[in-house]
PDB file of N, CA and C in Angstrom:
ATOM      1  N   LEU A   1     -40.759   5.483  33.337  1.00  0.00           N
ATOM      2  CA  LEU A   1     -41.888   5.241  32.285  1.00  0.00           C
ATOM      3  C   LEU A   1     -42.025   6.982  31.814  1.00  0.00           C
ATOM      4  N   ASN A   2     -41.745   7.359  30.637  1.00  0.00           N
ATOM      5  CA  ASN A   2     -42.386   8.782  30.032  1.00  0.00           C
ATOM      6  C   ASN A   2     -43.452   8.641  29.204  1.00  0.00           C
ATOM      7  N   GLY A   3     -44.504   9.509  29.518  1.00  0.00           N
ATOM      8  CA  GLY A   3     -45.602   9.555  28.579  1.00  0.00           C
ATOM      9  C   GLY A   3     -47.073   8.582  29.486  1.00  0.00           C
ATOM     10  N   PRO A   4     -48.104   8.840  28.672  1.00  0.00           N
ATOM     11  CA  PRO A   4     -48.994   7.916  29.611  1.00  0.00           C
ATOM     12  C   PRO A   4     -49.011   6.425  29.338  1.00  0.00           C
ATOM     13  N   GLY A   5     -49.482   5.724  30.193  1.00  0.00           N
ATOM     14  CA  GLY A   5     -49.478   4.034  30.190  1.00  0.00           C
ATOM     15  C   GLY A   5     -50.302   3.728  29.027  1.00  0.00           C
ATOM     16  N   GLU A   6     -50.532   2.767  28.837  1.00  0.00           N
ATOM     17  CA  GLU A   6     -51.400   1.967  27.603  1.00  0.00           C
ATOM     18  C   GLU A   6     -52.953   1.668  28.436  1.00  0.00           C
ATOM     19  N   ALA A   7     -52.886   1.598  29.799  1.00  0.00           N
ATOM     20  CA  ALA A   7     -54.094   1.623  30.208  1.00  0.00           C
ATOM     21  C   ALA A   7     -53.535   1.931  31.851  1.00  0.00           C
ATOM     22  N   THR A   8     -54.951   2.738  32.355  1.00  0.00           N
ATOM     23  CA  THR A   8     -54.856   3.485  33.896  1.00  0.00           C
ATOM     24  C   THR A   8     -55.977   3.346  34.654  1.00  0.00           C
ATOM     25  N   ILE A   9     -55.589   2.763  35.558  1.00  0.00           N
ATOM     26  CA  ILE A   9     -56.770   2.834  36.459  1.00  0.00           C
ATOM     27  C   ILE A   9     -56.603   3.919  37.893  1.00  0.00           C
ATOM     28  N   ARG A  10     -57.776   4.857  37.534  1.00  0.00           N
ATOM     29  CA  ARG A  10     -57.761   6.183  38.705  1.00  0.00           C
ATOM     30  C   ARG A  10     -58.681   5.940  39.809  1.00  0.00           C
ATOM     31  N   GLY A  11     -58.696   6.369  41.109  1.00  0.00           N
ATOM     32  CA  GLY A  11     -59.658   6.472  41.756  1.00  0.00           C
ATOM     33  C   GLY A  11     -58.775   7.026  42.594  1.00  0.00           C
ATOM     34  N   SER A  12     -59.806   7.024  44.202  1.00  0.00           N
ATOM     35  CA  SER A  12     -59.203   7.473  45.241  1.00  0.00           C
ATOM     36  C   SER A  12     -58.667   6.249  46.422  1.00  0.00           C
ATOM     37  N   VAL A  13     -57.979   6.947  47.323  1.00  0.00           N
ATOM     38  CA  VAL A  13     -57.692   5.861  47.739  1.00  0.00           C
ATOM     39  C   VAL A  13     -58.591   5.191  48.746  1.00  0.00           C
ATOM     40  N   GLY A  14     -59.642   5.760  49.031  1.00  0.00           N
ATOM     41  CA  GLY A  14     -61.039   4.744  49.707  1.00  0.00           C
ATOM     42  C   GLY A  14     -61.660   4.212  48.911  1.00  0.00           C
ATOM     43  N   ALA A  15     -61.321   4.080  47.289  1.00  0.00           N
ATOM     44  CA  ALA A  15     -62.004   3.525  46.629  1.00  0.00           C
ATOM     45  C   ALA A  15     -61.006   2.155  46.649  1.00  0.00           C
ATOM     46  N   PHE A  16     -59.535   2.381  46.238  1.00  0.00           N
ATOM     47  CA  PHE A  16     -58.730   1.047  46.310  1.00  0.00           C
ATOM     48  C   PHE A  16     -58.658   0.374  47.693  1.00  0.00           C
ATOM     49  N   ARG A  17     -58.982   0.890  48.529  1.00  0.00           N
ATOM     50  CA  ARG A  17     -59.151   0.510  50.017  1.00  0.00           C
ATOM     51  C   ARG A  17     -60.477  -0.537  50.006  1.00  0.00           C
ATOM     52  N   THR A  18     -61.358   0.309  49.590  1.00  0.00           N
ATOM     53  CA  THR A  18     -62.815  -0.986  49.265  1.00  0.00           C
ATOM     54  C   THR A  18     -62.611  -2.025  48.611  1.00  0.00           C
ATOM     55  N   LEU A  19     -61.969  -1.742  47.327  1.00  0.00           N
ATOM     56  CA  LEU A  19     -61.715  -2.923  46.537  1.00  0.00           C
ATOM     57  C   LEU A  19     -60.481  -3.885  47.189  1.00  0.00           C
ATOM     58  N   ALA A  20     -59.875  -3.527  47.885  1.00  0.00           N
ATOM     59  CA  ALA A  20     -58.742  -4.211  48.464  1.00  0.00           C
ATOM     60  C   ALA A  20     -59.193  -5.028  49.623  1.00  0.00           C
ATOM     61  N   GLU A  21     -59.988  -4.168  50.436  1.00  0.00           N
ATOM     62  CA  GLU A  21     -60.471  -5.193  51.544  1.00  0.00           C
ATOM     63  C   GLU A  21     -61.890  -5.978  51.209  1.00  0.00           C
ATOM     64  N   ARG A  22     -62.318  -5.789  49.774  1.00  0.00           N
ATOM     65  CA  ARG A  22     -63.513  -6.487  49.123  1.00  0.00           C
ATOM     66  C   ARG A  22     -64.888  -6.158  50.192  1.00  0.00           C
ATOM     67  N   LYS A  23     -64.734  -4.931  50.438  1.00  0.00           N
ATOM     68  CA  LYS A  23     -66.119  -4.234  50.668  1.00  0.00           C
ATOM     69  C   LYS A  23     -67.206  -4.189  49.967  1.00  0.00           C
ATOM     70  N   GLN A  24     -66.788  -3.776  48.873  1.00  0.00           N
ATOM     71  CA  GLN A  24     -67.575  -3.754  47.295  1.00  0.00           C
ATOM     72  C   GLN A  24     -67.121  -4.409  46.266  1.00  0.00           C
ATOM     73  N   ASP A  25     -68.047  -4.928  45.287  1.00  0.00           N
ATOM     74  CA  ASP A  25     -67.637  -5.736  44.066  1.00  0.00           C
ATOM     75  C   ASP A  25     -66.642  -4.747  43.100  1.00  0.00           C
ATOM     76  N   PRO A  26     -65.766  -4.764  42.807  1.00  0.00           N
ATOM     77  CA  PRO A  26     -64.890  -3.978  41.752  1.00  0.00           C
ATOM     78  C   PRO A  26     -65.961  -3.896  40.924  1.00  0.00           C
ATOM     79  N   ASP A  27     -67.178  -4.683  39.956  1.00  0.00           N
ATOM     80  CA  ASP A  27     -67.523  -3.861  38.829  1.00  0.00           C
ATOM     81  C   ASP A  27     -68.416  -2.454  39.145  1.00  0.00           C
ATOM     82  N   GLN A  28     -68.798  -2.717  40.492  1.00  0.00           N
ATOM     83  CA  GLN A  28     -69.769  -1.659  41.119  1.00  0.00           C
ATOM     84  C   GLN A  28     -68.512  -0.436  41.363  1.00  0.00           C
ATOM     85  N   LEU A  29     -67.951  -0.177  41.652  1.00  0.00           N
ATOM     86  CA  LEU A  29     -66.765   0.862  41.952  1.00  0.00           C
ATOM     87  C   LEU A  29     -66.605   1.498  40.498  1.00  0.00           C
ATOM     88  N   PHE A  30     -66.591   0.594  39.389  1.00  0.00           N
ATOM     89  CA  PHE A  30     -66.222   1.143  38.165  1.00  0.00           C
ATOM     90  C   PHE A  30     -67.631   1.471  37.756  1.00  0.00           C
ATOM     91  N   PHE A  31     -68.805   1.237  37.890  1.00  0.00           N
ATOM     92  CA  PHE A  31     -70.098   1.370  37.153  1.00  0.00           C
ATOM     93  C   PHE A  31     -70.581   2.918  38.142  1.00  0.00           C
ATOM     94  N   GLN A  32     -69.907   2.742  39.540  1.00  0.00           N
ATOM     95  CA  GLN A  32     -70.141   4.175  40.527  1.00  0.00           C
ATOM     96  C   GLN A  32     -69.348   5.199  39.728  1.00  0.00           C
ATOM     97  N   ARG A  33     -68.037   5.013  38.939  1.00  0.00           N
ATOM     98  CA  ARG A  33     -67.425   5.818  38.654  1.00  0.00           C
ATOM     99  C   ARG A  33     -66.318   6.221  39.938  1.00  0.00           C
ATOM    100  N   ARG A  34     -66.123   5.427  40.677  1.00  0.00           N
ATOM    101  CA  ARG A  34     -65.110   5.393  41.931  1.00  0.00           C
ATOM    102  C   ARG A  34     -64.042   5.146  41.556  1.00  0.00           C
ATOM    103  N   LEU A  35     -64.140   4.168  40.403  1.00  0.00           N
ATOM    104  CA  LEU A  35     -62.466   3.415  39.783  1.00  0.00           C
ATOM    105  C   LEU A  35     -62.883   3.954  38.492  1.00  0.00           C
ATOM    106  N   VAL A  36     -62.036   4.514  37.732  1.00  0.00           N
ATOM    107  CA  VAL A  36     -61.935   4.805  36.503  1.00  0.00           C
ATOM    108  C   VAL A  36     -60.980   3.789  35.231  1.00  0.00           C
ATOM    109  N   ILE A  37     -61.121   3.525  34.340  1.00  0.00           N
ATOM    110  CA  ILE A  37     -60.111   2.918  33.287  1.00  0.00           C
ATOM    111  C   ILE A  37     -60.077   3.876  32.133  1.00  0.00           C
ATOM    112  N   GLU A  38     -58.541   4.278  31.848  1.00  0.00           N
ATOM    113  CA  GLU A  38     -58.425   4.805  30.597  1.00  0.00           C
ATOM    114  C   GLU A  38     -57.540   4.448  29.788  1.00  0.00           C
ATOM    115  N   GLY A  39     -57.678   4.638  28.548  1.00  0.00           N
ATOM    116  CA  GLY A  39     -56.758   3.905  27.592  1.00  0.00           C
ATOM    117  C   GLY A  39     -56.904   2.662  27.160  1.00  0.00           C
ATOM    118  N   ASP A  40     -56.207   1.404  27.358  1.00  0.00           N
ATOM    119  CA  ASP A  40     -56.784   0.382  26.451  1.00  0.00           C
ATOM    120  C   ASP A  40     -57.828  -0.361  27.367  1.00  0.00           C
ATOM    121  N   THR A  41     -58.919  -0.678  27.264  1.00  0.00           N
ATOM    122  CA  THR A  41     -59.965  -0.990  27.996  1.00  0.00           C
ATOM    123  C   THR A  41     -59.766  -2.575  28.091  1.00  0.00           C
ATOM    124  N   GLU A  42     -59.764  -3.380  27.482  1.00  0.00           N
ATOM    125  CA  GLU A  42     -59.615  -4.580  27.758  1.00  0.00           C
ATOM    126  C   GLU A  42     -57.986  -4.925  28.778  1.00  0.00           C
ATOM    127  N   LEU A  43     -56.929  -4.420  28.300  1.00  0.00           N
ATOM    128  CA  LEU A  43     -55.957  -4.470  29.380  1.00  0.00           C
ATOM    129  C   LEU A  43     -56.409  -4.009  30.605  1.00  0.00           C
ATOM    130  N   GLY A  44     -56.893  -2.847  30.759  1.00  0.00           N
ATOM    131  CA  GLY A  44     -57.869  -2.024  31.831  1.00  0.00           C
ATOM    132  C   GLY A  44     -58.499  -3.228  32.980  1.00  0.00           C
ATOM    133  N   LEU A  45     -59.508  -3.884  32.229  1.00  0.00           N
ATOM    134  CA  LEU A  45     -60.274  -4.933  32.868  1.00  0.00           C
ATOM    135  C   LEU A  45     -59.200  -5.777  33.094  1.00  0.00           C
ATOM    136  N   ALA A  46     -58.272  -6.298  32.590  1.00  0.00           N
ATOM    137  CA  ALA A  46     -57.432  -7.883  33.034  1.00  0.00           C
ATOM    138  C   ALA A  46     -56.624  -7.054  34.176  1.00  0.00           C
ATOM    139  N   LEU A  47     -56.047  -5.574  34.314  1.00  0.00           N
ATOM    140  CA  LEU A  47     -55.793  -5.277  35.448  1.00  0.00           C
ATOM    141  C   LEU A  47     -56.379  -4.892  36.520  1.00  0.00           C
ATOM    142  N   LYS A  48     -58.035  -5.074  36.345  1.00  0.00           N
ATOM    143  CA  LYS A  48     -58.754  -4.872  37.533  1.00  0.00           C
ATOM    144  C   LYS A  48     -59.017  -6.061  37.689  1.00  0.00           C
ATOM    145  N   ASN A  49     -59.002  -7.271  37.033  1.00  0.00           N
ATOM    146  CA  ASN A  49     -59.236  -8.822  37.519  1.00  0.00           C
ATOM    147  C   ASN A  49     -57.981  -8.949  38.450  1.00  0.00           C
ATOM    148  N   LEU A  50     -57.212  -8.456  37.916  1.00  0.00           N
ATOM    149  CA  LEU A  50     -55.813  -8.957  38.473  1.00  0.00           C
ATOM    150  C   LEU A  50     -55.598  -8.114  40.025  1.00  0.00           C
ATOM    151  N   LEU A  51     -55.879  -7.274  40.564  1.00  0.00           N
ATOM    152  CA  LEU A  51     -56.060  -6.420  41.625  1.00  0.00           C
ATOM    153  C   LEU A  51     -57.004  -6.844  42.454  1.00  0.00           C
ATOM    154  N   ASP A  52     -58.287  -7.306  42.037  1.00  0.00           N
ATOM    155  CA  ASP A  52     -59.198  -7.971  42.539  1.00  0.00           C
ATOM    156  C   ASP A  52     -58.829  -9.373  42.929  1.00  0.00           C
ATOM    157  N   SER A  53     -58.068 -10.154  42.530  1.00  0.00           N
ATOM    158  CA  SER A  53     -57.291 -11.396  42.680  1.00  0.00           C
ATOM    159  C   SER A  53     -56.117 -11.307  43.871  1.00  0.00           C
ATOM    160  N   LEU A  54     -55.571 -10.375  43.992  1.00  0.00           N
ATOM    161  CA  LEU A  54     -54.500  -9.928  44.746  1.00  0.00           C
ATOM    162  C   LEU A  54     -54.863 -10.162  46.561  1.00  0.00           C
ATOM    163  N   ASP A  55     -54.154 -10.909  47.239  1.00  0.00           N
ATOM    164  CA  ASP A  55     -54.238 -10.730  48.660  1.00  0.00           C
ATOM    165  C   ASP A  55     -53.772  -9.824  49.394  1.00  0.00           C
ATOM    166  N   TRP A  56     -54.429  -8.799  49.891  1.00  0.00           N
ATOM    167  CA  TRP A  56     -54.150  -7.369  49.940  1.00  0.00           C
ATOM    168  C   TRP A  56     -53.981  -7.393  51.700  1.00  0.00           C
ATOM    169  N   HIS A  57     -54.365  -8.360  52.216  1.00  0.00           N
ATOM    170  CA  HIS A  57     -54.366  -8.396  53.802  1.00  0.00           C
ATOM    171  C   HIS A  57     -53.037  -8.146  54.362  1.00  0.00           C
ATOM    172  N   LEU A  58     -51.971  -8.241  53.401  1.00  0.00           N
ATOM    173  CA  LEU A  58     -51.013  -8.643  54.200  1.00  0.00           C
ATOM    174  C   LEU A  58     -50.265  -6.820  54.711  1.00  0.00           C
ATOM    175  N   ARG A  59     -50.655  -6.614  56.006  1.00  0.00           N
ATOM    176  CA  ARG A  59     -50.280  -5.343  56.286  1.00  0.00           C
ATOM    177  C   ARG A  59     -51.120  -4.282  55.422  1.00  0.00           C
ATOM    178  N   LEU A  60     -52.420  -4.340  54.956  1.00  0.00           N
ATOM    179  CA  LEU A  60     -53.130  -3.094  54.134  1.00  0.00           C
ATOM    180  C   LEU A  60     -53.444  -2.256  55.467  1.00  0.00           C
ATOM    181  N   ARG A  61     -54.196  -3.025  56.289  1.00  0.00           N
ATOM    182  CA  ARG A  61     -54.947  -2.252  57.838  1.00  0.00           C
ATOM    183  C   ARG A  61     -53.567  -0.822  57.753  1.00  0.00           C
ATOM    184  N   ASP A  62     -52.345  -1.835  58.373  1.00  0.00           N
ATOM    185  CA  ASP A  62     -51.358  -0.823  58.919  1.00  0.00           C
ATOM    186  C   ASP A  62     -51.361   0.336  58.000  1.00  0.00           C
ATOM    187  N   PHE A  63     -50.914   0.028  56.491  1.00  0.00           N
ATOM    188  CA  PHE A  63     -50.753   0.869  55.876  1.00  0.00           C
ATOM    189  C   PHE A  63     -51.902   2.105  55.504  1.00  0.00           C
ATOM    190  N   LEU A  64     -53.035   1.664  55.359  1.00  0.00           N
ATOM    191  CA  LEU A  64     -54.066   2.626  54.985  1.00  0.00           C
ATOM    192  C   LEU A  64     -54.767   3.268  56.544  1.00  0.00           C
ATOM    193  N   LYS A  65     -54.125   2.923  57.751  1.00  0.00           N
ATOM    194  CA  LYS A  65     -54.834   3.558  58.744  1.00  0.00           C
ATOM    195  C   LYS A  65     -54.920   5.011  58.439  1.00  0.00           C
ATOM    196  N   PRO A  66     -53.816   5.978  58.077  1.00  0.00           N
ATOM    197  CA  PRO A  66     -53.985   7.138  57.985  1.00  0.00           C
ATOM    198  C   PRO A  66     -55.334   7.599  57.064  1.00  0.00           C
ATOM    199  N   TRP A  67     -56.003   6.713  56.134  1.00  0.00           N
ATOM    200  CA  TRP A  67     -56.984   7.294  55.431  1.00  0.00           C
ATOM    201  C   TRP A  67     -58.207   6.557  55.999  1.00  0.00           C
TER     202      TRP A  67
END
């Protein structure tokens, strides 16, 4: 892809790990500004909800061990 996306979610690896391991409510991560939506907010919120609904336990811990 060239140029900016329609919606972007930015955050640290730790914030995404917290999201994936369901250690904290995803909305809290956004309100704490640990995850940030840029661009089309409605699309970004849909993407956030999609990320929250995925089953991340498929080798996630092995992948994220260095962090």
